[in-house]
Amino acid sequence: MARRKGTSRVTQPGTGSPNRPDPAAPPPGLPSIRQRRPALFWGLIVGMLAMLLPLVAGIIQVLL
């Protein structure tokens, strides 16, 4: 099946729909939790690693 000329959906940069926001612009709304509360974010990361580390260690111990 051949593509007809002039029906491509690809647009040149900067010629998109005027209703669509700029893709490089930050999304509207609240910033991420990493930006709002970095201590809480890193605390959650450390807590998740603390829970996953014994699990992974147990699986390795069972396999060996």
PDB file of N, CA and C in Angstrom:
ATOM      1  N   MET A   1       0.839  -1.164   0.000  1.00  0.00           N
ATOM      2  CA  MET A   1       0.000   0.000   0.000  1.00  0.00           C
ATOM      3  C   MET A   1       0.893   1.238   0.000  1.00  0.00           C
ATOM      4  N   ALA A   2       0.675   2.130  -0.901  1.00  0.00           N
ATOM      5  CA  ALA A   2       1.510   3.314  -1.045  1.00  0.00           C
ATOM      6  C   ALA A   2       0.893   4.488  -0.306  1.00  0.00           C
ATOM      7  N   ARG A   3       1.746   5.321   0.222  1.00  0.00           N
ATOM      8  CA  ARG A   3       1.282   6.521   0.910  1.00  0.00           C
ATOM      9  C   ARG A   3       1.075   7.639  -0.103  1.00  0.00           C
ATOM     10  N   ARG A   4      -0.033   8.306   0.046  1.00  0.00           N
ATOM     11  CA  ARG A   4      -0.302   9.434  -0.846  1.00  0.00           C
ATOM     12  C   ARG A   4       0.546  10.630  -0.452  1.00  0.00           C
ATOM     13  N   LYS A   5       0.947  11.395  -1.415  1.00  0.00           N
ATOM     14  CA  LYS A   5       1.751  12.580  -1.135  1.00  0.00           C
ATOM     15  C   LYS A   5       0.886  13.632  -0.438  1.00  0.00           C
ATOM     16  N   GLY A   6       1.505  14.328   0.495  1.00  0.00           N
ATOM     17  CA  GLY A   6       0.808  15.408   1.169  1.00  0.00           C
ATOM     18  C   GLY A   6      -0.053  14.969   2.334  1.00  0.00           C
ATOM     19  N   THR A   7       0.005  13.692   2.733  1.00  0.00           N
ATOM     20  CA  THR A   7      -0.833  13.233   3.842  1.00  0.00           C
ATOM     21  C   THR A   7      -0.009  12.854   5.062  1.00  0.00           C
ATOM     22  N   SER A   8       1.270  13.187   5.060  1.00  0.00           N
ATOM     23  CA  SER A   8       2.118  12.844   6.196  1.00  0.00           C
ATOM     24  C   SER A   8       1.709  13.678   7.404  1.00  0.00           C
ATOM     25  N   ARG A   9       1.738  13.053   8.587  1.00  0.00           N
ATOM     26  CA  ARG A   9       1.378  13.763   9.815  1.00  0.00           C
ATOM     27  C   ARG A   9       2.579  14.426  10.469  1.00  0.00           C
ATOM     28  N   VAL A  10       3.751  14.224   9.925  1.00  0.00           N
ATOM     29  CA  VAL A  10       4.953  14.805  10.505  1.00  0.00           C
ATOM     30  C   VAL A  10       4.964  16.301  10.228  1.00  0.00           C
ATOM     31  N   THR A  11       5.214  17.101  11.272  1.00  0.00           N
ATOM     32  CA  THR A  11       5.268  18.556  11.105  1.00  0.00           C
ATOM     33  C   THR A  11       6.671  19.043  11.405  1.00  0.00           C
ATOM     34  N   GLN A  12       7.001  20.165  10.885  1.00  0.00           N
ATOM     35  CA  GLN A  12       8.295  20.772  11.144  1.00  0.00           C
ATOM     36  C   GLN A  12       8.305  21.357  12.554  1.00  0.00           C
ATOM     37  N   PRO A  13       9.482  21.438  13.195  1.00  0.00           N
ATOM     38  CA  PRO A  13       9.546  22.016  14.546  1.00  0.00           C
ATOM     39  C   PRO A  13       9.039  23.457  14.553  1.00  0.00           C
ATOM     40  N   GLY A  14       8.204  23.761  15.528  1.00  0.00           N
ATOM     41  CA  GLY A  14       7.670  25.107  15.659  1.00  0.00           C
ATOM     42  C   GLY A  14       6.425  25.364  14.847  1.00  0.00           C
ATOM     43  N   THR A  15       5.959  24.360  14.089  1.00  0.00           N
ATOM     44  CA  THR A  15       4.773  24.564  13.261  1.00  0.00           C
ATOM     45  C   THR A  15       3.608  23.711  13.747  1.00  0.00           C
ATOM     46  N   GLY A  16       3.649  23.304  15.011  1.00  0.00           N
ATOM     47  CA  GLY A  16       2.584  22.466  15.542  1.00  0.00           C
ATOM     48  C   GLY A  16       1.308  23.248  15.755  1.00  0.00           C
ATOM     49  N   SER A  17       0.351  22.603  16.366  1.00  0.00           N
ATOM     50  CA  SER A  17      -0.940  23.227  16.631  1.00  0.00           C
ATOM     51  C   SER A  17      -0.774  24.393  17.599  1.00  0.00           C
ATOM     52  N   PRO A  18      -1.454  25.502  17.364  1.00  0.00           N
ATOM     53  CA  PRO A  18      -1.330  26.630  18.305  1.00  0.00           C
ATOM     54  C   PRO A  18      -1.971  26.334  19.656  1.00  0.00           C
ATOM     55  N   ASN A  19      -2.842  25.334  19.732  1.00  0.00           N
ATOM     56  CA  ASN A  19      -3.502  24.994  20.993  1.00  0.00           C
ATOM     57  C   ASN A  19      -2.640  24.110  21.879  1.00  0.00           C
ATOM     58  N   ARG A  20      -1.645  23.458  21.285  1.00  0.00           N
ATOM     59  CA  ARG A  20      -0.802  22.540  22.040  1.00  0.00           C
ATOM     60  C   ARG A  20       0.305  23.318  22.738  1.00  0.00           C
ATOM     61  N   PRO A  21       0.573  23.028  24.037  1.00  0.00           N
ATOM     62  CA  PRO A  21       1.636  23.759  24.733  1.00  0.00           C
ATOM     63  C   PRO A  21       3.008  23.352  24.220  1.00  0.00           C
ATOM     64  N   ASP A  22       3.985  24.207  24.472  1.00  0.00           N
ATOM     65  CA  ASP A  22       5.360  23.948  24.068  1.00  0.00           C
ATOM     66  C   ASP A  22       5.878  22.716  24.818  1.00  0.00           C
ATOM     67  N   PRO A  23       6.426  21.708  24.124  1.00  0.00           N
ATOM     68  CA  PRO A  23       6.874  20.502  24.824  1.00  0.00           C
ATOM     69  C   PRO A  23       8.045  20.764  25.773  1.00  0.00           C
ATOM     70  N   ALA A  24       8.820  21.813  25.551  1.00  0.00           N
ATOM     71  CA  ALA A  24       9.949  22.112  26.423  1.00  0.00           C
ATOM     72  C   ALA A  24       9.511  22.844  27.684  1.00  0.00           C
ATOM     73  N   ALA A  25       8.317  23.381  27.705  1.00  0.00           N
ATOM     74  CA  ALA A  25       7.830  24.109  28.873  1.00  0.00           C
ATOM     75  C   ALA A  25       7.484  23.134  29.992  1.00  0.00           C
ATOM     76  N   PRO A  26       7.716  23.514  31.246  1.00  0.00           N
ATOM     77  CA  PRO A  26       7.358  22.611  32.343  1.00  0.00           C
ATOM     78  C   PRO A  26       5.844  22.450  32.434  1.00  0.00           C
ATOM     79  N   PRO A  27       5.382  21.282  32.826  1.00  0.00           N
ATOM     80  CA  PRO A  27       3.939  21.070  32.920  1.00  0.00           C
ATOM     81  C   PRO A  27       3.334  21.919  34.031  1.00  0.00           C
ATOM     82  N   PRO A  28       2.114  22.380  33.851  1.00  0.00           N
ATOM     83  CA  PRO A  28       1.479  23.195  34.893  1.00  0.00           C
ATOM     84  C   PRO A  28       1.115  22.333  36.097  1.00  0.00           C
ATOM     85  N   GLY A  29       0.988  22.957  37.227  1.00  0.00           N
ATOM     86  CA  GLY A  29       0.590  22.236  38.427  1.00  0.00           C
ATOM     87  C   GLY A  29       1.704  22.213  39.448  1.00  0.00           C
ATOM     88  N   LEU A  30       1.571  21.317  40.416  1.00  0.00           N
ATOM     89  CA  LEU A  30       2.536  21.221  41.498  1.00  0.00           C
ATOM     90  C   LEU A  30       3.849  20.616  41.011  1.00  0.00           C
ATOM     91  N   PRO A  31       4.968  21.073  41.565  1.00  0.00           N
ATOM     92  CA  PRO A  31       6.233  20.415  41.246  1.00  0.00           C
ATOM     93  C   PRO A  31       6.282  19.041  41.907  1.00  0.00           C
ATOM     94  N   SER A  32       7.236  18.231  41.514  1.00  0.00           N
ATOM     95  CA  SER A  32       7.331  16.875  42.041  1.00  0.00           C
ATOM     96  C   SER A  32       7.706  16.903  43.524  1.00  0.00           C
ATOM     97  N   ILE A  33       7.481  15.774  44.199  1.00  0.00           N
ATOM     98  CA  ILE A  33       7.808  15.686  45.624  1.00  0.00           C
ATOM     99  C   ILE A  33       9.312  15.827  45.819  1.00  0.00           C
ATOM    100  N   ARG A  34      10.088  15.463  44.809  1.00  0.00           N
ATOM    101  CA  ARG A  34      11.542  15.599  44.903  1.00  0.00           C
ATOM    102  C   ARG A  34      11.945  17.075  45.000  1.00  0.00           C
ATOM    103  N   GLN A  35      11.182  17.939  44.354  1.00  0.00           N
ATOM    104  CA  GLN A  35      11.478  19.375  44.416  1.00  0.00           C
ATOM    105  C   GLN A  35      10.846  20.035  45.632  1.00  0.00           C
ATOM    106  N   ARG A  36       9.650  19.573  46.034  1.00  0.00           N
ATOM    107  CA  ARG A  36       8.953  20.219  47.155  1.00  0.00           C
ATOM    108  C   ARG A  36       9.544  19.816  48.493  1.00  0.00           C
ATOM    109  N   ARG A  37       9.779  18.523  48.686  1.00  0.00           N
ATOM    110  CA  ARG A  37      10.281  18.016  49.961  1.00  0.00           C
ATOM    111  C   ARG A  37      11.386  16.998  49.700  1.00  0.00           C
ATOM    112  N   PRO A  38      12.606  17.463  49.458  1.00  0.00           N
ATOM    113  CA  PRO A  38      13.682  16.523  49.114  1.00  0.00           C
ATOM    114  C   PRO A  38      14.012  15.552  50.251  1.00  0.00           C
ATOM    115  N   ALA A  39      13.889  15.984  51.525  1.00  0.00           N
ATOM    116  CA  ALA A  39      14.192  15.086  52.642  1.00  0.00           C
ATOM    117  C   ALA A  39      13.201  13.917  52.667  1.00  0.00           C
ATOM    118  N   LEU A  40      11.938  14.190  52.431  1.00  0.00           N
ATOM    119  CA  LEU A  40      10.932  13.131  52.391  1.00  0.00           C
ATOM    120  C   LEU A  40      11.186  12.183  51.218  1.00  0.00           C
ATOM    121  N   PHE A  41      11.520  12.742  50.081  1.00  0.00           N
ATOM    122  CA  PHE A  41      11.792  11.924  48.898  1.00  0.00           C
ATOM    123  C   PHE A  41      12.955  10.967  49.163  1.00  0.00           C
ATOM    124  N   TRP A  42      14.080  11.512  49.640  1.00  0.00           N
ATOM    125  CA  TRP A  42      15.241  10.655  49.869  1.00  0.00           C
ATOM    126  C   TRP A  42      15.008   9.700  51.033  1.00  0.00           C
ATOM    127  N   GLY A  43      14.210  10.100  52.017  1.00  0.00           N
ATOM    128  CA  GLY A  43      13.854   9.173  53.090  1.00  0.00           C
ATOM    129  C   GLY A  43      13.064   7.984  52.565  1.00  0.00           C
ATOM    130  N   LEU A  44      12.143   8.248  51.640  1.00  0.00           N
ATOM    131  CA  LEU A  44      11.388   7.148  51.028  1.00  0.00           C
ATOM    132  C   LEU A  44      12.296   6.242  50.197  1.00  0.00           C
ATOM    133  N   ILE A  45      13.242   6.830  49.477  1.00  0.00           N
ATOM    134  CA  ILE A  45      14.173   6.032  48.681  1.00  0.00           C
ATOM    135  C   ILE A  45      15.011   5.128  49.580  1.00  0.00           C
ATOM    136  N   VAL A  46      15.553   5.683  50.653  1.00  0.00           N
ATOM    137  CA  VAL A  46      16.363   4.886  51.586  1.00  0.00           C
ATOM    138  C   VAL A  46      15.503   3.805  52.247  1.00  0.00           C
ATOM    139  N   GLY A  47      14.278   4.140  52.609  1.00  0.00           N
ATOM    140  CA  GLY A  47      13.383   3.148  53.207  1.00  0.00           C
ATOM    141  C   GLY A  47      13.062   2.004  52.264  1.00  0.00           C
ATOM    142  N   MET A  48      12.827   2.320  50.996  1.00  0.00           N
ATOM    143  CA  MET A  48      12.554   1.259  50.016  1.00  0.00           C
ATOM    144  C   MET A  48      13.772   0.364  49.830  1.00  0.00           C
ATOM    145  N   LEU A  49      14.953   0.970  49.770  1.00  0.00           N
ATOM    146  CA  LEU A  49      16.169   0.159  49.638  1.00  0.00           C
ATOM    147  C   LEU A  49      16.383  -0.707  50.871  1.00  0.00           C
ATOM    148  N   ALA A  50      16.059  -0.174  52.043  1.00  0.00           N
ATOM    149  CA  ALA A  50      16.209  -0.945  53.277  1.00  0.00           C
ATOM    150  C   ALA A  50      15.260  -2.143  53.303  1.00  0.00           C
ATOM    151  N   MET A  51      14.111  -2.029  52.673  1.00  0.00           N
ATOM    152  CA  MET A  51      13.184  -3.164  52.612  1.00  0.00           C
ATOM    153  C   MET A  51      13.579  -4.154  51.520  1.00  0.00           C
ATOM    154  N   LEU A  52      14.110  -3.662  50.421  1.00  0.00           N
ATOM    155  CA  LEU A  52      14.437  -4.547  49.302  1.00  0.00           C
ATOM    156  C   LEU A  52      15.751  -5.290  49.492  1.00  0.00           C
ATOM    157  N   LEU A  53      16.701  -4.696  50.191  1.00  0.00           N
ATOM    158  CA  LEU A  53      18.003  -5.329  50.364  1.00  0.00           C
ATOM    159  C   LEU A  53      17.906  -6.690  51.070  1.00  0.00           C
ATOM    160  N   PRO A  54      17.191  -6.817  52.196  1.00  0.00           N
ATOM    161  CA  PRO A  54      17.063  -8.150  52.815  1.00  0.00           C
ATOM    162  C   PRO A  54      16.315  -9.144  51.921  1.00  0.00           C
ATOM    163  N   LEU A  55      15.369  -8.673  51.150  1.00  0.00           N
ATOM    164  CA  LEU A  55      14.647  -9.553  50.247  1.00  0.00           C
ATOM    165  C   LEU A  55      15.587 -10.131  49.193  1.00  0.00           C
ATOM    166  N   VAL A  56      16.377  -9.268  48.583  1.00  0.00           N
ATOM    167  CA  VAL A  56      17.323  -9.720  47.558  1.00  0.00           C
ATOM    168  C   VAL A  56      18.367 -10.636  48.182  1.00  0.00           C
ATOM    169  N   ALA A  57      18.861 -10.297  49.373  1.00  0.00           N
ATOM    170  CA  ALA A  57      19.841 -11.122  50.048  1.00  0.00           C
ATOM    171  C   ALA A  57      19.263 -12.500  50.371  1.00  0.00           C
ATOM    172  N   GLY A  58      18.007 -12.544  50.796  1.00  0.00           N
ATOM    173  CA  GLY A  58      17.365 -13.833  51.081  1.00  0.00           C
ATOM    174  C   GLY A  58      17.200 -14.683  49.843  1.00  0.00           C
ATOM    175  N   ILE A  59      16.831 -14.077  48.739  1.00  0.00           N
ATOM    176  CA  ILE A  59      16.665 -14.825  47.490  1.00  0.00           C
ATOM    177  C   ILE A  59      18.003 -15.377  47.039  1.00  0.00           C
ATOM    178  N   ILE A  60      19.081 -14.581  47.162  1.00  0.00           N
ATOM    179  CA  ILE A  60      20.407 -15.056  46.774  1.00  0.00           C
ATOM    180  C   ILE A  60      20.848 -16.182  47.677  1.00  0.00           C
ATOM    181  N   GLN A  61      20.555 -16.083  48.965  1.00  0.00           N
ATOM    182  CA  GLN A  61      20.935 -17.137  49.906  1.00  0.00           C
ATOM    183  C   GLN A  61      20.199 -18.441  49.606  1.00  0.00           C
ATOM    184  N   VAL A  62      18.933 -18.353  49.244  1.00  0.00           N
ATOM    185  CA  VAL A  62      18.174 -19.557  48.916  1.00  0.00           C
ATOM    186  C   VAL A  62      18.712 -20.204  47.640  1.00  0.00           C
ATOM    187  N   LEU A  63      19.088 -19.393  46.665  1.00  0.00           N
ATOM    188  CA  LEU A  63      19.584 -19.938  45.397  1.00  0.00           C
ATOM    189  C   LEU A  63      20.962 -20.564  45.539  1.00  0.00           C
ATOM    190  N   LEU A  64      21.766 -20.066  46.460  1.00  0.00           N
ATOM    191  CA  LEU A  64      23.110 -20.633  46.640  1.00  0.00           C
ATOM    192  C   LEU A  64      23.029 -21.725  47.643  1.00  0.00           C
TER     193      LEU A  64
END
